[in-house]
Structure formats: structure tokens, C-alpha cells
C-alpha atoms as a PDB file:
ATOM      1  CA  VAL A   1       0.000   0.000   0.000  1.00  0.00           C
ATOM      2  CA  GLN A   2       1.287   3.435  -0.900  1.00  0.00           C
ATOM      3  CA  LEU A   3      -0.109   6.934  -0.547  1.00  0.00           C
ATOM      4  CA  GLN A   4       1.861   9.374  -2.661  1.00  0.00           C
ATOM      5  CA  ALA A   5       1.291  13.015  -1.763  1.00  0.00           C
ATOM      6  CA  SER A   6       2.387  15.763  -4.123  1.00  0.00           C
ATOM      7  CA  GLY A   7       1.673  19.339  -5.096  1.00  0.00           C
ATOM      8  CA  GLY A   8       3.488  21.146  -2.338  1.00  0.00           C
ATOM      9  CA  GLY A   9       5.868  24.000  -2.934  1.00  0.00           C
ATOM     10  CA  LEU A  10       6.771  27.573  -2.156  1.00  0.00           C
ATOM     11  CA  VAL A  11       4.030  30.156  -2.556  1.00  0.00           C
ATOM     12  CA  GLN A  12       3.490  33.740  -1.473  1.00  0.00           C
ATOM     13  CA  ALA A  13       0.879  34.647   1.098  1.00  0.00           C
ATOM     14  CA  GLY A  14      -2.513  34.888  -0.554  1.00  0.00           C
ATOM     15  CA  GLY A  15      -1.615  32.275  -3.119  1.00  0.00           C
ATOM     16  CA  SER A  16      -3.030  28.832  -3.794  1.00  0.00           C
ATOM     17  CA  LEU A  17      -1.846  25.269  -4.050  1.00  0.00           C
ATOM     18  CA  ARG A  18      -3.566  21.997  -4.826  1.00  0.00           C
ATOM     19  CA  LEU A  19      -2.299  18.893  -3.123  1.00  0.00           C
ATOM     20  CA  SER A  20      -2.923  15.425  -4.487  1.00  0.00           C
ATOM     21  CA  CYS A  21      -2.644  12.035  -2.831  1.00  0.00           C
ATOM     22  CA  VAL A  22      -2.633   9.029  -5.135  1.00  0.00           C
ATOM     23  CA  ALA A  23      -3.304   5.660  -3.551  1.00  0.00           C
ATOM     24  CA  SER A  24      -1.971   2.373  -4.823  1.00  0.00           C
ATOM     25  CA  GLY A  25      -2.585  -1.084  -3.454  1.00  0.00           C
ATOM     26  CA  ILE A  26      -5.980  -0.150  -2.029  1.00  0.00           C
ATOM     27  CA  ASN A  27      -9.377   0.805  -3.436  1.00  0.00           C
ATOM     28  CA  LEU A  28     -10.343   4.218  -2.082  1.00  0.00           C
ATOM     29  CA  ASN A  29     -14.031   3.374  -2.409  1.00  0.00           C
ATOM     30  CA  TYR A  30     -13.552   1.504   0.863  1.00  0.00           C
ATOM     31  CA  TYR A  31     -11.564   4.159   2.708  1.00  0.00           C
ATOM     32  CA  VAL A  32     -12.258   7.432   4.448  1.00  0.00           C
ATOM     33  CA  MET A  33      -9.453   9.932   4.032  1.00  0.00           C
ATOM     34  CA  GLY A  34      -7.821  12.705   5.950  1.00  0.00           C
ATOM     35  CA  TRP A  35      -5.233  15.436   5.547  1.00  0.00           C
ATOM     36  CA  TYR A  36      -2.901  16.306   8.382  1.00  0.00           C
ATOM     37  CA  ARG A  37      -0.021  18.740   8.682  1.00  0.00           C
ATOM     38  CA  GLN A  38       3.011  19.166  10.861  1.00  0.00           C
ATOM     39  CA  ALA A  39       4.881  22.425  11.247  1.00  0.00           C
ATOM     40  CA  PRO A  40       8.471  22.537  12.548  1.00  0.00           C
ATOM     41  CA  GLY A  41       8.586  22.031  16.299  1.00  0.00           C
ATOM     42  CA  ARG A  42       4.880  21.267  16.503  1.00  0.00           C
ATOM     43  CA  GLU A  43       2.768  18.144  16.705  1.00  0.00           C
ATOM     44  CA  ARG A  44       0.911  16.808  13.718  1.00  0.00           C
ATOM     45  CA  GLU A  45      -2.588  18.265  13.505  1.00  0.00           C
ATOM     46  CA  PRO A  46      -5.706  17.407  11.516  1.00  0.00           C
ATOM     47  CA  VAL A  47      -6.591  19.614   8.572  1.00  0.00           C
ATOM     48  CA  SER A  48      -9.532  17.963   6.860  1.00  0.00           C
ATOM     49  CA  TYR A  49     -11.565  14.786   6.579  1.00  0.00           C
ATOM     50  CA  ILE A  50     -13.731  13.290   3.850  1.00  0.00           C
ATOM     51  CA  SER A  51     -15.947  10.231   3.923  1.00  0.00           C
ATOM     52  CA  SER A  52     -15.741   7.480   1.308  1.00  0.00           C
ATOM     53  CA  ASP A  53     -18.576   8.904  -0.810  1.00  0.00           C
ATOM     54  CA  SER A  54     -17.701  12.574  -0.152  1.00  0.00           C
ATOM     55  CA  SER A  55     -21.005  13.128   1.652  1.00  0.00           C
ATOM     56  CA  THR A  56     -19.249  14.210   4.847  1.00  0.00           C
ATOM     57  CA  THR A  57     -16.368  16.651   5.059  1.00  0.00           C
ATOM     58  CA  ASN A  58     -14.958  18.711   7.838  1.00  0.00           C
ATOM     59  CA  TYR A  59     -12.115  21.111   8.434  1.00  0.00           C
ATOM     60  CA  ALA A  60      -9.956  22.518  11.149  1.00  0.00           C
ATOM     61  CA  ALA A  61     -11.168  25.951  12.210  1.00  0.00           C
ATOM     62  CA  SER A  62      -7.914  27.510  11.000  1.00  0.00           C
ATOM     63  CA  VAL A  63      -8.465  26.411   7.390  1.00  0.00           C
ATOM     64  CA  LYS A  64     -12.241  26.428   7.065  1.00  0.00           C
ATOM     65  CA  ASP A  65     -13.496  28.560   4.158  1.00  0.00           C
ATOM     66  CA  ARG A  66      -9.989  28.558   2.638  1.00  0.00           C
ATOM     67  CA  PHE A  67      -9.328  24.861   2.028  1.00  0.00           C
ATOM     68  CA  THR A  68     -11.497  22.349   0.173  1.00  0.00           C
ATOM     69  CA  VAL A  69     -11.077  18.586   0.346  1.00  0.00           C
ATOM     70  CA  SER A  70     -12.309  16.373  -2.472  1.00  0.00           C
ATOM     71  CA  ARG A  71     -11.704  12.956  -3.921  1.00  0.00           C
ATOM     72  CA  ASP A  72     -12.009  11.066  -7.179  1.00  0.00           C
ATOM     73  CA  ASN A  73     -12.427   7.403  -6.326  1.00  0.00           C
ATOM     74  CA  ALA A  74     -12.247   6.412  -9.982  1.00  0.00           C
ATOM     75  CA  LYS A  75      -8.721   7.856 -10.010  1.00  0.00           C
ATOM     76  CA  ASN A  76      -7.954   6.612  -6.496  1.00  0.00           C
ATOM     77  CA  THR A  77      -6.966  10.155  -5.638  1.00  0.00           C
ATOM     78  CA  LEU A  78      -7.563  12.593  -2.786  1.00  0.00           C
ATOM     79  CA  TYR A  79      -7.183  16.366  -3.196  1.00  0.00           C
ATOM     80  CA  LEU A  80      -6.783  19.421  -1.024  1.00  0.00           C
ATOM     81  CA  GLN A  81      -7.357  22.799  -2.653  1.00  0.00           C
ATOM     82  CA  MET A  82      -5.706  25.468  -0.531  1.00  0.00           C
ATOM     83  CA  ASN A  83      -6.558  29.117  -1.166  1.00  0.00           C
ATOM     84  CA  SER A  84      -5.665  32.361   0.588  1.00  0.00           C
ATOM     85  CA  LEU A  85      -2.597  30.742   2.069  1.00  0.00           C
ATOM     86  CA  VAL A  86      -0.935  32.375   5.059  1.00  0.00           C
ATOM     87  CA  PRO A  87       2.532  31.791   6.547  1.00  0.00           C
ATOM     88  CA  GLU A  88       0.925  29.807   9.377  1.00  0.00           C
ATOM     89  CA  ASP A  89      -0.038  27.166   6.804  1.00  0.00           C
ATOM     90  CA  THR A  90       3.634  26.295   6.336  1.00  0.00           C
ATOM     91  CA  ALA A  91       4.037  22.619   7.185  1.00  0.00           C
ATOM     92  CA  VAL A  92       4.518  19.155   5.798  1.00  0.00           C
ATOM     93  CA  TYR A  93       1.125  17.894   4.678  1.00  0.00           C
ATOM     94  CA  PHE A  94       0.218  14.221   5.002  1.00  0.00           C
ATOM     95  CA  CYS A  95      -2.652  12.212   3.615  1.00  0.00           C
ATOM     96  CA  ALA A  96      -4.071   9.239   5.482  1.00  0.00           C
ATOM     97  CA  ALA A  97      -6.533   6.442   4.769  1.00  0.00           C
ATOM     98  CA  LYS A  98      -8.793   4.477   7.105  1.00  0.00           C
ATOM     99  CA  LYS A  99     -10.584   1.306   6.044  1.00  0.00           C
ATOM    100  CA  THR A 100     -14.354   1.332   6.105  1.00  0.00           C
ATOM    101  CA  SER A 101     -17.036  -1.014   4.819  1.00  0.00           C
ATOM    102  CA  ALA A 102     -20.545  -0.959   3.415  1.00  0.00           C
ATOM    103  CA  SER A 103     -21.952  -1.991   6.775  1.00  0.00           C
ATOM    104  CA  LYS A 104     -20.165   0.875   8.526  1.00  0.00           C
ATOM    105  CA  ARG A 105     -21.105   3.766   6.259  1.00  0.00           C
ATOM    106  CA  TYR A 106     -23.191   5.265   9.063  1.00  0.00           C
ATOM    107  CA  LEU A 107     -20.022   5.684  11.113  1.00  0.00           C
ATOM    108  CA  GLU A 108     -18.402   7.861   8.492  1.00  0.00           C
ATOM    109  CA  ILE A 109     -20.068  10.979   9.870  1.00  0.00           C
ATOM    110  CA  LEU A 110     -17.591  10.626  12.712  1.00  0.00           C
ATOM    111  CA  THR A 111     -14.105  11.987  12.131  1.00  0.00           C
ATOM    112  CA  PRO A 112     -11.373   9.465  12.934  1.00  0.00           C
ATOM    113  CA  THR A 113      -8.568  10.352  15.265  1.00  0.00           C
ATOM    114  CA  GLU A 114      -5.004  10.316  14.043  1.00  0.00           C
ATOM    115  CA  TYR A 115      -4.540   6.869  15.593  1.00  0.00           C
ATOM    116  CA  ASP A 116      -7.452   5.353  13.679  1.00  0.00           C
ATOM    117  CA  TYR A 117      -5.864   5.699  10.252  1.00  0.00           C
ATOM    118  CA  ASP A 118      -4.394   2.591   8.646  1.00  0.00           C
ATOM    119  CA  HIS A 119      -2.096   4.108   6.044  1.00  0.00           C
ATOM    120  CA  TRP A 120      -0.109   7.331   5.754  1.00  0.00           C
ATOM    121  CA  GLY A 121       1.593   9.109   2.909  1.00  0.00           C
ATOM    122  CA  GLN A 122       5.131  10.421   3.071  1.00  0.00           C
ATOM    123  CA  GLY A 123       4.190  14.092   3.170  1.00  0.00           C
ATOM    124  CA  THR A 124       4.647  17.069   0.894  1.00  0.00           C
ATOM    125  CA  GLN A 125       6.173  20.367   2.003  1.00  0.00           C
ATOM    126  CA  VAL A 126       4.145  23.548   1.769  1.00  0.00           C
ATOM    127  CA  THR A 127       5.958  26.815   2.444  1.00  0.00           C
ATOM    128  CA  VAL A 128       4.115  30.127   2.461  1.00  0.00           C
ATOM    129  CA  SER A 129       6.233  33.259   2.419  1.00  0.00           C
ATOM    130  CA  SER A 130       5.033  36.581   3.790  1.00  0.00           C
END
């Protein structure tokens, strides 16, 4: 199983980036997905969550109304559109996948904790300059 995150880079404050996370070895139709980030000297923190059918999404308060999570299960890919970036968004961004099942769809309204995820990507660096 591999989650390959990409799309990070250096951008000026106010700019935009789109992160992608391509999964291999698993079928994302059976996984809920999350984005996390870790800034230097800080603990990893949740950014966004999306259920397997995209019916449920949520965001950290610090990114709400600026970031949008989406997924294309046919492409086995997760996305994070980041707009109006600020220097405080500088971090390594990670994608994560948690197995679900048809019988547990009703649980997907609940956001997993960091420890619930089964697979993690390697991270992509986002740097926002002021």
C-alpha cells in the first residue's frame, strides 16, 4: 500500500496550491481519508476529513473557508485545494486512509482520530512566504 502526496511547494501569502494524494494497493471506495499537517517544532494536527462517498467533510477551524477537500475514487486520488494561504499554513502535509465497509457507512459521519488511520503518505512540504 502506498499513498503518494504531491503538489506542495513555495508560494506567497494569498496564493493557492492543490495537493494530491494518489493511492496504490488499495481501493479508495472503501476508505475514508484525511489530511494532516506538521509544522516545525509542533505536533501533527488534523486539517480535513472526507468520507468514502464525499457526503461528509470537515475542516480545522484555521483552514475552514480557505481549504477544500475532495476525492475522485475512480482515479484513487484525494485532493486538497488550498486558497488564501498564510505563513501559518507552512508545514509538511500528510494524507491518510482508514478502512471502512458498506456496513459501517453510518459511522463515516464521525471523524477518525489520528490513531485510527491505517495508512499514511510520506508528506509534501508547503511553504508560504510573507
